[in-house]
Amino acid sequence: MGLFDKILSAVDNPEQEASADGLGSILDTVQQLASNHETSPTALQSAMSIVGNYTRSALQEKRSTEGEGSVEQIISQFGGTQASTQVVQMLFNTSQMQNMLGEVGNKTGIPESVIQTMLPTLVPLVLNFLKTGNGDGDVDLADAMQMMGKYLNR
């Protein structure tokens, strides 16, 4: 089952937190963020995919050192559309941050300084995405967001 199919089944499953409105909020926030920073939505979706990879890696590290409960608490507390510098600081050390900013900058053309100002919004969006019940390690968020946009007619 592909990621998009998993998202749609999560929307239909009352035991998971996904909803069409919730997914729409993620897309709306990404579009607004792109507009506010004069960045193309496609570049920002690619950036979000890279940030998602780093976020999942940081969560896996937290899971191995602090346990599953810690990861679930982080996702529950910070997964949403509200910006949070706290979760960025909680998940990434200086080296991880530099690597992530460099990779996003190189692959998307978005200046690292702009990406750094976006991270407090992007990381909670990634966590929100994971709350839909699709926390597998093989998610391409950019592709999933494009499919969601088509599905939700946005």
C-alpha atoms as a PDB file:
ATOM      1  CA  MET A   1       0.000   0.000   0.000  1.00  0.00           C
ATOM      2  CA  GLY A   2       1.436   3.364  -1.017  1.00  0.00           C
ATOM      3  CA  LEU A   3       1.725   6.324   1.324  1.00  0.00           C
ATOM      4  CA  PHE A   4      -1.204   8.153  -0.230  1.00  0.00           C
ATOM      5  CA  ASP A   5      -3.404   5.073   0.215  1.00  0.00           C
ATOM      6  CA  LYS A   6      -2.282   4.878   3.860  1.00  0.00           C
ATOM      7  CA  ILE A   7      -3.181   8.538   4.360  1.00  0.00           C
ATOM      8  CA  LEU A   8      -6.625   8.023   2.844  1.00  0.00           C
ATOM      9  CA  SER A   9      -7.230   4.954   5.003  1.00  0.00           C
ATOM     10  CA  ALA A  10      -6.090   6.956   8.058  1.00  0.00           C
ATOM     11  CA  VAL A  11      -8.635   9.642   7.180  1.00  0.00           C
ATOM     12  CA  ASP A  12     -11.333   6.956   7.203  1.00  0.00           C
ATOM     13  CA  ASN A  13     -10.090   5.355  10.464  1.00  0.00           C
ATOM     14  CA  PRO A  14     -11.557   6.998  13.598  1.00  0.00           C
ATOM     15  CA  GLU A  15      -8.689   5.599  15.692  1.00  0.00           C
ATOM     16  CA  GLN A  16      -6.172   7.721  13.790  1.00  0.00           C
ATOM     17  CA  GLU A  17      -5.938  11.482  13.844  1.00  0.00           C
ATOM     18  CA  ALA A  18      -5.993  12.086  10.097  1.00  0.00           C
ATOM     19  CA  SER A  19      -8.807  14.057   8.522  1.00  0.00           C
ATOM     20  CA  ALA A  20      -9.328  15.810   5.222  1.00  0.00           C
ATOM     21  CA  ASP A  21      -9.431  19.110   7.139  1.00  0.00           C
ATOM     22  CA  GLY A  22      -6.184  18.277   8.936  1.00  0.00           C
ATOM     23  CA  LEU A  23      -4.440  17.367   5.703  1.00  0.00           C
ATOM     24  CA  GLY A  24      -5.842  20.517   4.113  1.00  0.00           C
ATOM     25  CA  SER A  25      -4.417  22.560   6.998  1.00  0.00           C
ATOM     26  CA  ILE A  26      -0.974  21.109   6.337  1.00  0.00           C
ATOM     27  CA  LEU A  27      -1.211  22.035   2.646  1.00  0.00           C
ATOM     28  CA  ASP A  28      -2.578  25.507   3.437  1.00  0.00           C
ATOM     29  CA  THR A  29       0.256  26.161   5.892  1.00  0.00           C
ATOM     30  CA  VAL A  30       2.882  25.064   3.348  1.00  0.00           C
ATOM     31  CA  GLN A  31       1.346  27.299   0.678  1.00  0.00           C
ATOM     32  CA  GLN A  32       1.201  30.253   3.081  1.00  0.00           C
ATOM     33  CA  LEU A  33       4.789  29.664   4.190  1.00  0.00           C
ATOM     34  CA  ALA A  34       5.921  29.550   0.556  1.00  0.00           C
ATOM     35  CA  SER A  35       4.086  32.779  -0.164  1.00  0.00           C
ATOM     36  CA  ASN A  36       5.432  34.545   2.933  1.00  0.00           C
ATOM     37  CA  HIS A  37       9.017  33.657   1.995  1.00  0.00           C
ATOM     38  CA  GLU A  38       8.564  34.125  -1.773  1.00  0.00           C
ATOM     39  CA  THR A  39       9.474  30.495  -2.384  1.00  0.00           C
ATOM     40  CA  SER A  40       7.879  28.145  -4.872  1.00  0.00           C
ATOM     41  CA  PRO A  41       5.504  25.609  -3.286  1.00  0.00           C
ATOM     42  CA  THR A  42       7.329  22.839  -5.157  1.00  0.00           C
ATOM     43  CA  ALA A  43      10.706  23.848  -3.680  1.00  0.00           C
ATOM     44  CA  LEU A  44       9.128  24.076  -0.239  1.00  0.00           C
ATOM     45  CA  GLN A  45       7.551  20.624  -0.609  1.00  0.00           C
ATOM     46  CA  SER A  46      10.996  19.273  -1.509  1.00  0.00           C
ATOM     47  CA  ALA A  47      12.430  21.060   1.519  1.00  0.00           C
ATOM     48  CA  MET A  48       9.738  19.537   3.703  1.00  0.00           C
ATOM     49  CA  SER A  49      10.621  16.082   2.386  1.00  0.00           C
ATOM     50  CA  ILE A  50      14.276  16.554   3.365  1.00  0.00           C
ATOM     51  CA  VAL A  51      13.312  17.996   6.754  1.00  0.00           C
ATOM     52  CA  GLY A  52      11.037  14.977   7.145  1.00  0.00           C
ATOM     53  CA  ASN A  53      13.961  12.607   6.610  1.00  0.00           C
ATOM     54  CA  TYR A  54      16.027  14.394   9.255  1.00  0.00           C
ATOM     55  CA  THR A  55      13.054  14.541  11.624  1.00  0.00           C
ATOM     56  CA  ARG A  56      12.385  10.810  11.296  1.00  0.00           C
ATOM     57  CA  SER A  57      16.063  10.101  11.894  1.00  0.00           C
ATOM     58  CA  ALA A  58      16.042  12.292  15.018  1.00  0.00           C
ATOM     59  CA  LEU A  59      12.886  10.571  16.254  1.00  0.00           C
ATOM     60  CA  GLN A  60      14.440   7.138  15.690  1.00  0.00           C
ATOM     61  CA  GLU A  61      17.465   8.252  17.705  1.00  0.00           C
ATOM     62  CA  LYS A  62      15.179   9.515  20.497  1.00  0.00           C
ATOM     63  CA  ARG A  63      13.274   6.223  20.417  1.00  0.00           C
ATOM     64  CA  SER A  64      16.491   4.235  20.915  1.00  0.00           C
ATOM     65  CA  THR A  65      17.753   6.455  23.745  1.00  0.00           C
ATOM     66  CA  GLU A  66      14.558   7.589  25.486  1.00  0.00           C
ATOM     67  CA  GLY A  67      11.943   5.048  24.437  1.00  0.00           C
ATOM     68  CA  GLU A  68       8.759   4.980  22.365  1.00  0.00           C
ATOM     69  CA  GLY A  69       6.803   7.040  24.903  1.00  0.00           C
ATOM     70  CA  SER A  70       9.131   9.990  24.445  1.00  0.00           C
ATOM     71  CA  VAL A  71       8.652   9.950  20.673  1.00  0.00           C
ATOM     72  CA  GLU A  72       4.881   9.644  20.980  1.00  0.00           C
ATOM     73  CA  GLN A  73       4.844  12.593  23.395  1.00  0.00           C
ATOM     74  CA  ILE A  74       6.891  14.756  21.014  1.00  0.00           C
ATOM     75  CA  ILE A  75       4.628  13.938  18.071  1.00  0.00           C
ATOM     76  CA  SER A  76       1.487  14.490  20.128  1.00  0.00           C
ATOM     77  CA  GLN A  77       2.675  17.740  21.721  1.00  0.00           C
ATOM     78  CA  PHE A  78       4.300  19.405  18.724  1.00  0.00           C
ATOM     79  CA  GLY A  79       2.615  17.866  15.655  1.00  0.00           C
ATOM     80  CA  GLY A  80       0.428  20.581  14.189  1.00  0.00           C
ATOM     81  CA  THR A  81       0.480  23.753  12.160  1.00  0.00           C
ATOM     82  CA  GLN A  82       1.810  26.042  14.911  1.00  0.00           C
ATOM     83  CA  ALA A  83       5.484  27.030  14.812  1.00  0.00           C
ATOM     84  CA  SER A  84       7.734  25.784  17.613  1.00  0.00           C
ATOM     85  CA  THR A  85      11.419  26.564  18.039  1.00  0.00           C
ATOM     86  CA  GLN A  86      11.362  24.271  21.090  1.00  0.00           C
ATOM     87  CA  VAL A  87      10.816  21.100  19.057  1.00  0.00           C
ATOM     88  CA  VAL A  88      13.564  22.075  16.594  1.00  0.00           C
ATOM     89  CA  GLN A  89      16.007  22.513  19.478  1.00  0.00           C
ATOM     90  CA  MET A  90      14.765  19.300  21.091  1.00  0.00           C
ATOM     91  CA  LEU A  91      15.308  17.167  17.984  1.00  0.00           C
ATOM     92  CA  PHE A  92      18.440  18.507  16.289  1.00  0.00           C
ATOM     93  CA  ASN A  93      21.973  19.152  17.497  1.00  0.00           C
ATOM     94  CA  THR A  94      24.190  21.740  15.795  1.00  0.00           C
ATOM     95  CA  SER A  95      25.758  19.240  13.398  1.00  0.00           C
ATOM     96  CA  GLN A  96      22.403  17.807  12.324  1.00  0.00           C
ATOM     97  CA  MET A  97      21.046  21.324  11.838  1.00  0.00           C
ATOM     98  CA  GLN A  98      23.990  22.354   9.653  1.00  0.00           C
ATOM     99  CA  ASN A  99      23.724  19.188   7.566  1.00  0.00           C
ATOM    100  CA  MET A 100      19.973  19.619   7.121  1.00  0.00           C
ATOM    101  CA  LEU A 101      20.210  23.301   6.186  1.00  0.00           C
ATOM    102  CA  GLY A 102      23.016  22.564   3.721  1.00  0.00           C
ATOM    103  CA  GLU A 103      21.150  19.704   2.054  1.00  0.00           C
ATOM    104  CA  VAL A 104      17.892  21.633   1.767  1.00  0.00           C
ATOM    105  CA  GLY A 105      19.744  24.668   0.393  1.00  0.00           C
ATOM    106  CA  ASN A 106      21.690  22.622  -2.153  1.00  0.00           C
ATOM    107  CA  LYS A 107      18.711  20.622  -3.377  1.00  0.00           C
ATOM    108  CA  THR A 108      16.044  23.340  -3.418  1.00  0.00           C
ATOM    109  CA  GLY A 109      17.934  26.602  -3.955  1.00  0.00           C
ATOM    110  CA  ILE A 110      16.219  28.103  -0.901  1.00  0.00           C
ATOM    111  CA  PRO A 111      18.790  30.145   1.063  1.00  0.00           C
ATOM    112  CA  GLU A 112      19.845  28.467   4.316  1.00  0.00           C
ATOM    113  CA  SER A 113      18.863  31.557   6.319  1.00  0.00           C
ATOM    114  CA  VAL A 114      15.312  31.330   4.946  1.00  0.00           C
ATOM    115  CA  ILE A 115      15.141  27.604   5.656  1.00  0.00           C
ATOM    116  CA  GLN A 116      16.285  28.211   9.215  1.00  0.00           C
ATOM    117  CA  THR A 117      13.409  30.648   9.766  1.00  0.00           C
ATOM    118  CA  MET A 118      10.980  28.099   8.281  1.00  0.00           C
ATOM    119  CA  LEU A 119      12.095  25.133  10.422  1.00  0.00           C
ATOM    120  CA  PRO A 120       9.939  25.990  13.453  1.00  0.00           C
ATOM    121  CA  THR A 121       6.926  25.636  11.135  1.00  0.00           C
ATOM    122  CA  LEU A 122       8.163  22.781   8.925  1.00  0.00           C
ATOM    123  CA  VAL A 123       9.095  20.394  11.755  1.00  0.00           C
ATOM    124  CA  PRO A 124       5.637  20.553  13.422  1.00  0.00           C
ATOM    125  CA  LEU A 125       4.075  20.004   9.969  1.00  0.00           C
ATOM    126  CA  VAL A 126       6.191  16.879   9.511  1.00  0.00           C
ATOM    127  CA  LEU A 127       5.193  15.681  12.982  1.00  0.00           C
ATOM    128  CA  ASN A 128       1.556  16.439  12.141  1.00  0.00           C
ATOM    129  CA  PHE A 129       1.940  14.350   9.007  1.00  0.00           C
ATOM    130  CA  LEU A 130       3.304  11.486  11.108  1.00  0.00           C
ATOM    131  CA  LYS A 131       0.294  11.764  13.440  1.00  0.00           C
ATOM    132  CA  THR A 132      -1.896  10.576  10.577  1.00  0.00           C
ATOM    133  CA  GLY A 133      -0.561   7.081  11.290  1.00  0.00           C
ATOM    134  CA  ASN A 134       1.973   6.984   8.480  1.00  0.00           C
ATOM    135  CA  GLY A 135       5.183   7.030  10.450  1.00  0.00           C
ATOM    136  CA  ASP A 136       7.010   4.530   8.285  1.00  0.00           C
ATOM    137  CA  GLY A 137      10.568   5.344   7.371  1.00  0.00           C
ATOM    138  CA  ASP A 138      10.058   5.426   3.638  1.00  0.00           C
ATOM    139  CA  VAL A 139       7.854   8.483   3.200  1.00  0.00           C
ATOM    140  CA  ASP A 140       8.462  11.028   0.461  1.00  0.00           C
ATOM    141  CA  LEU A 141       6.503  13.949   1.842  1.00  0.00           C
ATOM    142  CA  ALA A 142       6.795  15.993  -1.349  1.00  0.00           C
ATOM    143  CA  ASP A 143       5.092  13.284  -3.416  1.00  0.00           C
ATOM    144  CA  ALA A 144       2.474  12.695  -0.737  1.00  0.00           C
ATOM    145  CA  MET A 145       1.695  16.416  -0.518  1.00  0.00           C
ATOM    146  CA  GLN A 146       1.278  16.680  -4.278  1.00  0.00           C
ATOM    147  CA  MET A 147      -1.147  13.759  -4.270  1.00  0.00           C
ATOM    148  CA  MET A 148      -3.015  15.199  -1.279  1.00  0.00           C
ATOM    149  CA  GLY A 149      -3.318  18.522  -3.061  1.00  0.00           C
ATOM    150  CA  LYS A 150      -4.851  16.824  -6.086  1.00  0.00           C
ATOM    151  CA  TYR A 151      -7.160  14.735  -3.904  1.00  0.00           C
ATOM    152  CA  LEU A 152      -8.304  17.782  -1.934  1.00  0.00           C
ATOM    153  CA  ASN A 153      -8.471  19.938  -5.109  1.00  0.00           C
ATOM    154  CA  ARG A 154      -5.856  22.424  -3.882  1.00  0.00           C
END
